[in-house]
Amino acid sequence: MGYRIYELTGAAIGEGKWLCEKAAPYLWEIHQATGFTVSLRVLEGDKLVVLDRIEGSHPLKVVYPVGAHLPCNHGAAGKLLLAYQRSPEEIQDFLRAGKIQRLTEKDQDGLQGIGGEL
């Protein structure tokens, strides 16, 4: 598993652990205020990585385990991180490489579509 084991345990160079520790009070505050599942995600290359989460109490939920790697444009978190952490040129490269995909029928495709969402 190599480097992957460090990603999963949050021990990679301490960065994941440090970020989780700093974000924990804010995640907890959001969870307490809403009762929803909250998660901390980062954009790593062309993937969205779940670093931490607090599970909500609502019976209907979608849960991605800590360490899960998701498509970079997955949900609002992925689109937000793409918009603020990647240049238009990098987004165009992701589109050409098929890294940004339509995940639902409502998702936009192509630079015009995804650009409007970002």
C-alpha atoms as a PDB file:
ATOM      1  CA  MET A   1       0.000   0.000   0.000  1.00  0.00           C
ATOM      2  CA  GLY A   2       2.968   2.327   0.447  1.00  0.00           C
ATOM      3  CA  TYR A   3       2.050   6.001   0.715  1.00  0.00           C
ATOM      4  CA  ARG A   4      -1.669   5.107   0.719  1.00  0.00           C
ATOM      5  CA  ILE A   5      -1.431   3.732   4.268  1.00  0.00           C
ATOM      6  CA  TYR A   6      -0.195   7.126   5.459  1.00  0.00           C
ATOM      7  CA  GLU A   7      -3.092   8.868   3.715  1.00  0.00           C
ATOM      8  CA  LEU A   8      -5.582   6.576   5.392  1.00  0.00           C
ATOM      9  CA  THR A   9      -4.137   7.085   8.856  1.00  0.00           C
ATOM     10  CA  GLY A  10      -3.687  10.839   8.440  1.00  0.00           C
ATOM     11  CA  ALA A  11       0.014  10.512   9.225  1.00  0.00           C
ATOM     12  CA  ALA A  12       1.474  11.680   5.918  1.00  0.00           C
ATOM     13  CA  ILE A  13       4.058  14.256   6.966  1.00  0.00           C
ATOM     14  CA  GLY A  14       1.618  15.288   9.697  1.00  0.00           C
ATOM     15  CA  GLU A  15      -0.218  17.659   7.325  1.00  0.00           C
ATOM     16  CA  GLY A  16      -3.492  15.742   7.264  1.00  0.00           C
ATOM     17  CA  LYS A  17      -3.470  15.318  11.030  1.00  0.00           C
ATOM     18  CA  TRP A  18      -2.616  18.979  11.598  1.00  0.00           C
ATOM     19  CA  LEU A  19      -5.437  20.123   9.313  1.00  0.00           C
ATOM     20  CA  CYS A  20      -7.904  17.765  11.009  1.00  0.00           C
ATOM     21  CA  GLU A  21      -6.936  19.099  14.439  1.00  0.00           C
ATOM     22  CA  LYS A  22      -7.354  22.711  13.316  1.00  0.00           C
ATOM     23  CA  ALA A  23     -10.689  22.058  11.594  1.00  0.00           C
ATOM     24  CA  ALA A  24     -12.207  19.808  14.303  1.00  0.00           C
ATOM     25  CA  PRO A  25     -13.830  22.583  16.395  1.00  0.00           C
ATOM     26  CA  TYR A  26     -15.444  24.080  13.283  1.00  0.00           C
ATOM     27  CA  LEU A  27     -16.670  20.709  12.029  1.00  0.00           C
ATOM     28  CA  TRP A  28     -18.145  20.010  15.463  1.00  0.00           C
ATOM     29  CA  GLU A  29     -19.828  23.435  15.581  1.00  0.00           C
ATOM     30  CA  ILE A  30     -21.446  22.897  12.175  1.00  0.00           C
ATOM     31  CA  HIS A  31     -22.518  19.391  13.176  1.00  0.00           C
ATOM     32  CA  GLN A  32     -24.032  20.623  16.462  1.00  0.00           C
ATOM     33  CA  ALA A  33     -25.916  23.431  14.704  1.00  0.00           C
ATOM     34  CA  THR A  34     -27.337  21.255  11.924  1.00  0.00           C
ATOM     35  CA  GLY A  35     -27.254  17.634  13.052  1.00  0.00           C
ATOM     36  CA  PHE A  36     -25.964  16.782   9.578  1.00  0.00           C
ATOM     37  CA  THR A  37     -22.915  14.797   8.597  1.00  0.00           C
ATOM     38  CA  VAL A  38     -20.000  17.165   8.065  1.00  0.00           C
ATOM     39  CA  SER A  39     -16.689  16.362   6.456  1.00  0.00           C
ATOM     40  CA  LEU A  40     -13.294  17.864   5.795  1.00  0.00           C
ATOM     41  CA  ARG A  41     -12.114  17.327   2.240  1.00  0.00           C
ATOM     42  CA  VAL A  42      -9.039  18.448   0.335  1.00  0.00           C
ATOM     43  CA  LEU A  43      -8.174  18.489  -3.334  1.00  0.00           C
ATOM     44  CA  GLU A  44      -5.156  16.281  -3.958  1.00  0.00           C
ATOM     45  CA  GLY A  45      -4.134  16.284  -7.597  1.00  0.00           C
ATOM     46  CA  ASP A  46      -7.291  15.376  -9.482  1.00  0.00           C
ATOM     47  CA  LYS A  47      -9.044  13.708  -6.523  1.00  0.00           C
ATOM     48  CA  LEU A  48     -11.091  14.941  -3.598  1.00  0.00           C
ATOM     49  CA  VAL A  49      -9.899  13.229  -0.402  1.00  0.00           C
ATOM     50  CA  VAL A  50     -12.003  12.898   2.754  1.00  0.00           C
ATOM     51  CA  LEU A  51      -9.727  13.707   5.718  1.00  0.00           C
ATOM     52  CA  ASP A  52     -12.263  13.719   8.539  1.00  0.00           C
ATOM     53  CA  ARG A  53     -15.992  13.521   9.179  1.00  0.00           C
ATOM     54  CA  ILE A  54     -18.590  13.624  11.910  1.00  0.00           C
ATOM     55  CA  GLU A  55     -21.621  11.504  11.185  1.00  0.00           C
ATOM     56  CA  GLY A  56     -25.052  13.073  11.458  1.00  0.00           C
ATOM     57  CA  SER A  57     -28.126  11.667  13.112  1.00  0.00           C
ATOM     58  CA  HIS A  58     -30.510  11.953  10.153  1.00  0.00           C
ATOM     59  CA  PRO A  59     -31.563   8.514   8.887  1.00  0.00           C
ATOM     60  CA  LEU A  60     -31.058   9.495   5.233  1.00  0.00           C
ATOM     61  CA  LYS A  61     -27.401  10.179   4.493  1.00  0.00           C
ATOM     62  CA  VAL A  62     -24.564   9.406   2.166  1.00  0.00           C
ATOM     63  CA  VAL A  63     -21.352   8.624   3.997  1.00  0.00           C
ATOM     64  CA  TYR A  64     -17.886   8.525   2.502  1.00  0.00           C
ATOM     65  CA  PRO A  65     -15.281   7.015   4.815  1.00  0.00           C
ATOM     66  CA  VAL A  66     -12.192   8.907   5.897  1.00  0.00           C
ATOM     67  CA  GLY A  67      -9.544   8.277   3.252  1.00  0.00           C
ATOM     68  CA  ALA A  68     -12.051   7.961   0.391  1.00  0.00           C
ATOM     69  CA  HIS A  69     -10.894   9.381  -2.941  1.00  0.00           C
ATOM     70  CA  LEU A  70     -13.703  10.958  -4.962  1.00  0.00           C
ATOM     71  CA  PRO A  71     -13.832  12.669  -8.377  1.00  0.00           C
ATOM     72  CA  CYS A  72     -12.504  16.231  -8.149  1.00  0.00           C
ATOM     73  CA  ASN A  73     -15.885  17.733  -9.105  1.00  0.00           C
ATOM     74  CA  HIS A  74     -17.858  15.686  -6.573  1.00  0.00           C
ATOM     75  CA  GLY A  75     -20.515  17.816  -4.886  1.00  0.00           C
ATOM     76  CA  ALA A  76     -20.279  21.372  -3.672  1.00  0.00           C
ATOM     77  CA  ALA A  77     -16.991  20.733  -1.847  1.00  0.00           C
ATOM     78  CA  GLY A  78     -15.249  19.528  -4.991  1.00  0.00           C
ATOM     79  CA  LYS A  79     -16.539  22.400  -7.090  1.00  0.00           C
ATOM     80  CA  LEU A  80     -15.592  24.935  -4.426  1.00  0.00           C
ATOM     81  CA  LEU A  81     -12.055  23.582  -4.166  1.00  0.00           C
ATOM     82  CA  LEU A  82     -11.674  23.438  -7.949  1.00  0.00           C
ATOM     83  CA  ALA A  83     -12.812  27.054  -8.238  1.00  0.00           C
ATOM     84  CA  TYR A  84     -10.366  28.365  -5.655  1.00  0.00           C
ATOM     85  CA  GLN A  85      -7.403  25.991  -5.960  1.00  0.00           C
ATOM     86  CA  ARG A  86      -7.096  25.277  -9.670  1.00  0.00           C
ATOM     87  CA  SER A  87      -6.513  27.619 -12.586  1.00  0.00           C
ATOM     88  CA  PRO A  88      -8.776  27.614 -15.655  1.00  0.00           C
ATOM     89  CA  GLU A  89      -5.918  25.926 -17.541  1.00  0.00           C
ATOM     90  CA  GLU A  90      -5.704  23.116 -14.968  1.00  0.00           C
ATOM     91  CA  ILE A  91      -9.475  22.657 -15.116  1.00  0.00           C
ATOM     92  CA  GLN A  92      -9.281  22.476 -18.916  1.00  0.00           C
ATOM     93  CA  ASP A  93      -6.551  19.818 -18.591  1.00  0.00           C
ATOM     94  CA  PHE A  94      -8.767  17.843 -16.192  1.00  0.00           C
ATOM     95  CA  LEU A  95     -11.637  18.052 -18.693  1.00  0.00           C
ATOM     96  CA  ARG A  96      -9.446  16.865 -21.585  1.00  0.00           C
ATOM     97  CA  ALA A  97      -8.144  13.982 -19.451  1.00  0.00           C
ATOM     98  CA  GLY A  98     -11.660  12.955 -18.426  1.00  0.00           C
ATOM     99  CA  LYS A  99     -11.043  13.771 -14.759  1.00  0.00           C
ATOM    100  CA  ILE A 100     -14.128  16.009 -14.566  1.00  0.00           C
ATOM    101  CA  GLN A 101     -17.165  13.937 -15.376  1.00  0.00           C
ATOM    102  CA  ARG A 102     -20.920  14.197 -15.302  1.00  0.00           C
ATOM    103  CA  LEU A 103     -21.798  12.413 -12.061  1.00  0.00           C
ATOM    104  CA  THR A 104     -25.547  13.063 -12.316  1.00  0.00           C
ATOM    105  CA  GLU A 105     -27.901  14.171 -15.062  1.00  0.00           C
ATOM    106  CA  LYS A 106     -27.859  17.693 -13.576  1.00  0.00           C
ATOM    107  CA  ASP A 107     -24.080  18.067 -13.728  1.00  0.00           C
ATOM    108  CA  GLN A 108     -22.663  20.365 -16.349  1.00  0.00           C
ATOM    109  CA  ASP A 109     -20.014  19.133 -18.745  1.00  0.00           C
ATOM    110  CA  GLY A 110     -17.408  20.916 -20.801  1.00  0.00           C
ATOM    111  CA  LEU A 111     -15.563  24.064 -19.819  1.00  0.00           C
ATOM    112  CA  GLN A 112     -18.590  26.290 -20.446  1.00  0.00           C
ATOM    113  CA  GLY A 113     -20.796  24.162 -18.221  1.00  0.00           C
ATOM    114  CA  ILE A 114     -18.394  23.488 -15.390  1.00  0.00           C
ATOM    115  CA  GLY A 115     -17.074  27.048 -15.604  1.00  0.00           C
ATOM    116  CA  GLY A 116     -20.556  28.353 -14.925  1.00  0.00           C
ATOM    117  CA  GLU A 117     -20.801  26.182 -11.820  1.00  0.00           C
ATOM    118  CA  LEU A 118     -17.384  27.229 -10.541  1.00  0.00           C
END
